[in-house]
Amino acid sequence: MRDVPADFPSPMARLRWVLKALRAPDGCPWDRAQTLKTIEPCLQEECYELLDAMAGDDLPHHREELGDVLLQVLFQCDIREEQGAFGFDDVVNALADKLIRRHPHVFGQATAGDTEAALRNWERIKQTERKSPKASALDGVPAALPALLRAQRTQHKAAKVGFDWKGAEGPDAKLDEEIAELRAAMREGRKEGVAEELGDALFTLVNLARHLDVDAESALRAATEKFARRFKAVEQRVKESGREMGKLSLDALDAEWDAVKREGRA
């Protein structure tokens, strides 16, 4: 059994000591067996759990989820350090250097009177730092992003080089067009066509949201959460009445749903 030192120079030093102990030859078999590939799903899950915690008011839960994401960062740093590539200090120093370079209006002589000017500074310096010129304005949008977020980022990149509607009227009219094409594909019973047209409609809806200054990912998350709250309230009403969800007709369930909305229970 390994003794834990009583004192550490900082909380971060304590955490790093714990992780080194877990990855040591006499450490935890599970932690020692992990690779970048095996912990990839963990990182994805922890990021989504953090987003969920950010949306609530449970501060201890938020703190815990921040720690879980930090664990994933440190875990990857330790794996790379074991490979002789880089360590946590290298990551931290590189990040600090980048933030200083890309904020010349704070750490240099440049000026930025508003957020747009600050973003222009950031993007200009970012482009000069690239090792090779971009082949496309869309380069840099990760393919692994959630679909709605990737659509939003892609549209934003295209808009920065002038490929965009002037206002919300453009995507609004385009949405009507895409919905009409979707309905035509549905009438014709073309499954592949339905999927394609549905995708086009979703993409256009994201574009409309962007022009209305609405984050599509957040909007859909909020709508899903609202549905979940109301559905759970319906379940509770049905349970309190001694009935079972699976044995009620859709009309009866719709009536319960409407009652929940009227009562403002969710």
Protein backbone atom coordinates (compact mmCIF):
# COMPACT_ATOMS: atom_id res chain seq x y z
CA MET A 1 0.00 0.00 0.00
CA ARG A 2 1.31 3.44 -0.98
CA ASP A 3 1.39 6.18 1.66
CA VAL A 4 -0.02 9.55 0.64
CA PRO A 5 2.25 12.47 1.65
CA ALA A 6 0.69 14.85 4.14
CA ASP A 7 1.73 18.02 2.36
CA PHE A 8 1.94 19.16 -1.25
CA PRO A 9 3.02 22.51 -2.67
CA SER A 10 -0.37 22.97 -4.34
CA PRO A 11 -3.67 21.16 -5.02
CA MET A 12 -2.49 20.54 -8.60
CA ALA A 13 0.71 18.94 -7.34
CA ARG A 14 -1.38 16.64 -5.15
CA LEU A 15 -3.61 15.62 -8.04
CA ARG A 16 -0.66 14.97 -10.35
CA TRP A 17 0.99 12.83 -7.67
CA VAL A 18 -2.20 10.76 -7.39
CA LEU A 19 -2.36 10.20 -11.15
CA LYS A 20 1.32 9.24 -11.34
CA ALA A 21 0.69 6.72 -8.56
CA LEU A 22 -2.27 5.24 -10.41
CA ARG A 23 -0.18 4.80 -13.59
CA ALA A 24 2.87 3.43 -11.75
CA PRO A 25 3.87 -0.26 -12.09
CA ASP A 26 2.37 -0.94 -8.66
CA GLY A 27 -0.65 1.26 -9.32
CA CYS A 28 -4.17 0.52 -10.53
CA PRO A 29 -4.40 -2.17 -13.26
CA TRP A 30 -7.24 -0.33 -15.00
CA ASP A 31 -5.49 3.05 -15.04
CA ARG A 32 -2.25 1.48 -16.24
CA ALA A 33 -4.02 -0.27 -19.12
CA GLN A 34 -5.59 2.88 -20.56
CA THR A 35 -4.48 4.40 -23.86
CA LEU A 36 -5.56 7.49 -25.78
CA LYS A 37 -7.91 5.28 -27.76
CA THR A 38 -9.56 3.62 -24.76
CA ILE A 39 -10.18 6.88 -22.89
CA GLU A 40 -11.66 8.67 -25.91
CA PRO A 41 -15.25 7.66 -25.01
CA CYS A 42 -14.61 8.78 -21.43
CA LEU A 43 -13.65 12.26 -22.60
CA GLN A 44 -16.77 12.55 -24.75
CA GLU A 45 -19.02 11.39 -21.92
CA GLU A 46 -17.41 13.67 -19.34
CA CYS A 47 -17.74 16.71 -21.62
CA TYR A 48 -21.46 16.08 -22.08
CA GLU A 49 -21.91 15.54 -18.35
CA LEU A 50 -20.17 18.86 -17.73
CA LEU A 51 -22.50 20.62 -20.17
CA ASP A 52 -25.44 19.10 -18.32
CA ALA A 53 -24.07 20.31 -14.97
CA MET A 54 -23.49 23.81 -16.36
CA ALA A 55 -27.19 24.09 -17.19
CA GLY A 56 -28.27 23.42 -13.60
CA ASP A 57 -27.93 25.07 -10.20
CA ASP A 58 -26.17 22.20 -8.41
CA LEU A 59 -22.79 23.83 -7.77
CA PRO A 60 -21.14 20.78 -6.12
CA HIS A 61 -22.17 18.72 -9.16
CA HIS A 62 -20.72 21.34 -11.50
CA ARG A 63 -17.47 21.34 -9.53
CA GLU A 64 -17.30 17.54 -9.70
CA GLU A 65 -17.83 17.45 -13.46
CA LEU A 66 -15.16 20.10 -14.00
CA GLY A 67 -12.80 17.83 -12.08
CA ASP A 68 -13.73 14.85 -14.23
CA VAL A 69 -12.88 16.78 -17.42
CA LEU A 70 -9.62 17.97 -15.85
CA LEU A 71 -8.82 14.34 -15.08
CA GLN A 72 -9.13 13.48 -18.77
CA VAL A 73 -6.72 16.29 -19.70
CA LEU A 74 -4.15 15.21 -17.13
CA PHE A 75 -4.56 11.55 -18.09
CA GLN A 76 -3.72 12.33 -21.71
CA CYS A 77 -0.75 14.45 -20.66
CA ASP A 78 0.64 11.60 -18.56
CA ILE A 79 0.25 9.13 -21.42
CA ARG A 80 2.09 11.45 -23.81
CA GLU A 81 4.77 12.10 -21.21
CA GLU A 82 5.33 8.36 -20.83
CA GLN A 83 5.79 8.24 -24.62
CA GLY A 84 8.42 10.97 -24.42
CA ALA A 85 6.26 13.43 -26.37
CA PHE A 86 5.20 16.19 -23.95
CA GLY A 87 3.85 16.64 -20.44
CA PHE A 88 1.33 18.75 -18.56
CA ASP A 89 3.76 21.64 -18.04
CA ASP A 90 4.39 21.76 -21.79
CA VAL A 91 0.65 21.98 -22.44
CA VAL A 92 0.18 24.76 -19.87
CA ASN A 93 3.15 26.79 -21.13
CA ALA A 94 2.06 26.41 -24.76
CA LEU A 95 -1.44 27.59 -23.83
CA ALA A 96 -0.12 30.62 -21.93
CA ASP A 97 2.16 31.50 -24.86
CA LYS A 98 -0.74 31.27 -27.31
CA LEU A 99 -3.03 33.44 -25.19
CA ILE A 100 -0.33 36.11 -24.91
CA ARG A 101 0.40 36.03 -28.65
CA ARG A 102 -3.25 36.24 -29.65
CA HIS A 103 -4.10 39.12 -27.32
CA PRO A 104 -1.76 41.84 -28.60
CA HIS A 105 -4.30 44.43 -27.45
CA VAL A 106 -3.60 43.29 -23.88
CA PHE A 107 0.05 42.18 -23.97
CA GLY A 108 1.27 44.32 -26.88
CA GLN A 109 0.72 47.59 -28.71
CA ALA A 110 -2.37 46.64 -30.74
CA THR A 111 -5.81 48.03 -29.98
CA ALA A 112 -9.24 46.40 -29.84
CA GLY A 113 -12.17 48.61 -28.99
CA ASP A 114 -14.79 45.87 -28.95
CA THR A 115 -15.23 42.11 -29.05
CA GLU A 116 -15.29 42.00 -32.86
CA ALA A 117 -11.91 43.73 -33.05
CA ALA A 118 -10.50 41.32 -30.48
CA LEU A 119 -11.77 38.36 -32.51
CA ARG A 120 -10.24 39.79 -35.68
CA ASN A 121 -6.89 40.05 -33.90
CA TRP A 122 -7.23 36.44 -32.78
CA GLU A 123 -8.10 35.12 -36.25
CA ARG A 124 -5.40 37.16 -38.00
CA ILE A 125 -2.68 35.89 -35.69
CA LYS A 126 -4.08 32.35 -35.83
CA GLN A 127 -3.73 32.36 -39.63
CA THR A 128 -0.11 33.53 -39.49
CA GLU A 129 0.69 30.72 -37.05
CA ARG A 130 -0.55 27.97 -39.34
CA LYS A 131 2.26 25.82 -40.70
CA SER A 132 0.56 25.59 -44.10
CA PRO A 133 -2.04 27.80 -45.78
CA LYS A 134 -5.64 26.67 -45.57
CA ALA A 135 -6.94 24.86 -48.63
CA SER A 136 -10.48 25.89 -47.68
CA ALA A 137 -12.21 28.45 -45.53
CA LEU A 138 -13.91 25.49 -43.85
CA ASP A 139 -10.65 23.92 -42.66
CA GLY A 140 -10.46 23.81 -38.89
CA VAL A 141 -14.05 22.71 -38.27
CA PRO A 142 -13.69 19.33 -36.50
CA ALA A 143 -15.63 16.54 -38.20
CA ALA A 144 -16.28 14.99 -34.77
CA LEU A 145 -18.39 17.92 -33.56
CA PRO A 146 -22.06 17.23 -32.81
CA ALA A 147 -23.99 17.61 -36.06
CA LEU A 148 -25.84 20.81 -35.15
CA LEU A 149 -22.72 22.49 -33.83
CA ARG A 150 -20.70 21.43 -36.88
CA ALA A 151 -23.38 22.86 -39.18
CA GLN A 152 -23.34 26.12 -37.26
CA ARG A 153 -19.54 26.39 -37.31
CA THR A 154 -19.41 25.51 -41.02
CA GLN A 155 -21.97 28.18 -41.88
CA HIS A 156 -20.11 30.73 -39.77
CA LYS A 157 -16.84 29.98 -41.59
CA ALA A 158 -18.54 30.34 -44.98
CA ALA A 159 -20.15 33.60 -43.88
CA LYS A 160 -16.76 35.08 -42.97
CA VAL A 161 -15.72 34.97 -46.65
CA GLY A 162 -19.01 36.47 -47.82
CA PHE A 163 -21.01 33.31 -48.64
CA ASP A 164 -24.11 34.14 -46.63
CA TRP A 165 -27.56 35.68 -46.74
CA LYS A 166 -27.87 39.33 -45.73
CA GLY A 167 -30.52 38.57 -43.14
CA ALA A 168 -32.92 36.00 -41.72
CA GLU A 169 -35.31 36.39 -44.67
CA GLY A 170 -33.01 34.31 -46.88
CA PRO A 171 -32.83 31.16 -44.74
CA ASP A 172 -36.49 31.63 -43.79
CA ALA A 173 -37.54 31.38 -47.45
CA LYS A 174 -35.07 28.56 -48.04
CA LEU A 175 -36.61 26.62 -45.16
CA ASP A 176 -40.02 26.77 -46.86
CA GLU A 177 -38.39 25.41 -50.03
CA GLU A 178 -36.63 22.57 -48.19
CA ILE A 179 -39.79 21.57 -46.30
CA ALA A 180 -41.69 21.41 -49.60
CA GLU A 181 -38.98 19.15 -51.05
CA LEU A 182 -39.09 16.98 -47.93
CA ARG A 183 -42.85 16.56 -48.22
CA ALA A 184 -42.51 15.66 -51.90
CA ALA A 185 -39.96 12.96 -51.04
CA MET A 186 -42.29 11.65 -48.32
CA ARG A 187 -45.19 11.42 -50.76
CA GLU A 188 -43.02 9.52 -53.22
CA GLY A 189 -41.88 7.13 -50.49
CA ARG A 190 -38.18 7.63 -51.27
CA LYS A 191 -36.41 6.75 -48.02
CA GLU A 192 -32.99 7.98 -49.13
CA GLY A 193 -34.58 11.11 -50.56
CA VAL A 194 -36.42 11.73 -47.30
CA ALA A 195 -33.16 11.46 -45.33
CA GLU A 196 -31.39 13.85 -47.70
CA GLU A 197 -34.19 16.42 -47.71
CA LEU A 198 -34.58 16.18 -43.95
CA GLY A 199 -30.86 16.88 -43.60
CA ASP A 200 -31.17 19.88 -45.91
CA ALA A 201 -34.08 21.21 -43.86
CA LEU A 202 -32.16 20.78 -40.61
CA PHE A 203 -29.11 22.51 -42.09
CA THR A 204 -31.28 25.42 -43.22
CA LEU A 205 -32.98 25.60 -39.82
CA VAL A 206 -29.55 25.91 -38.19
CA ASN A 207 -28.77 28.70 -40.64
CA LEU A 208 -31.98 30.49 -39.70
CA ALA A 209 -31.11 30.13 -36.02
CA ARG A 210 -27.67 31.63 -36.67
CA HIS A 211 -29.19 34.66 -38.39
CA LEU A 212 -31.56 35.09 -35.44
CA ASP A 213 -28.57 34.94 -33.07
CA VAL A 214 -29.82 31.69 -31.54
CA ASP A 215 -27.46 28.80 -30.77
CA ALA A 216 -29.15 25.82 -32.41
CA GLU A 217 -27.45 23.25 -30.17
CA SER A 218 -28.56 25.05 -27.00
CA ALA A 219 -32.06 25.63 -28.35
CA LEU A 220 -32.58 21.96 -29.17
CA ARG A 221 -31.11 20.92 -25.82
CA ALA A 222 -33.56 23.24 -24.04
CA ALA A 223 -36.50 21.93 -26.08
CA THR A 224 -35.53 18.34 -25.31
CA GLU A 225 -35.22 19.15 -21.62
CA LYS A 226 -38.66 20.81 -21.66
CA PHE A 227 -40.17 17.73 -23.29
CA ALA A 228 -38.50 15.47 -20.74
CA ARG A 229 -39.83 17.53 -17.81
CA ARG A 230 -43.36 17.49 -19.15
CA PHE A 231 -43.23 13.79 -20.00
CA LYS A 232 -42.08 12.97 -16.47
CA ALA A 233 -44.91 15.12 -15.11
CA VAL A 234 -47.37 13.14 -17.26
CA GLU A 235 -45.91 9.90 -15.91
CA GLN A 236 -46.39 11.17 -12.37
CA ARG A 237 -50.01 12.19 -13.01
CA VAL A 238 -50.80 8.80 -14.53
CA LYS A 239 -49.12 6.99 -11.64
CA GLU A 240 -50.99 9.07 -9.05
CA SER A 241 -54.29 8.17 -10.74
CA GLY A 242 -53.52 4.45 -10.45
CA ARG A 243 -53.20 3.94 -14.20
CA GLU A 244 -50.32 2.70 -16.39
CA MET A 245 -48.73 4.64 -19.24
CA GLY A 246 -48.61 1.70 -21.64
CA LYS A 247 -52.32 0.97 -21.23
CA LEU A 248 -53.61 4.46 -22.04
CA SER A 249 -54.69 5.61 -25.49
CA LEU A 250 -52.82 8.39 -27.25
CA ASP A 251 -55.86 10.65 -26.77
CA ALA A 252 -55.74 10.04 -23.02
CA LEU A 253 -52.01 10.75 -22.91
CA ASP A 254 -52.51 13.92 -24.94
CA ALA A 255 -55.12 15.04 -22.43
CA GLU A 256 -52.64 14.52 -19.58
CA TRP A 257 -49.99 16.40 -21.55
CA ASP A 258 -52.32 19.35 -22.05
CA ALA A 259 -53.20 19.30 -18.35
CA VAL A 260 -49.53 19.47 -17.41
CA LYS A 261 -49.06 22.47 -19.72
CA ARG A 262 -52.13 24.25 -18.31
CA GLU A 263 -51.03 23.69 -14.74
CA GLY A 264 -47.51 24.83 -15.51
CA ARG A 265 -46.10 21.79 -13.74
CA ALA A 266 -43.22 21.55 -16.21
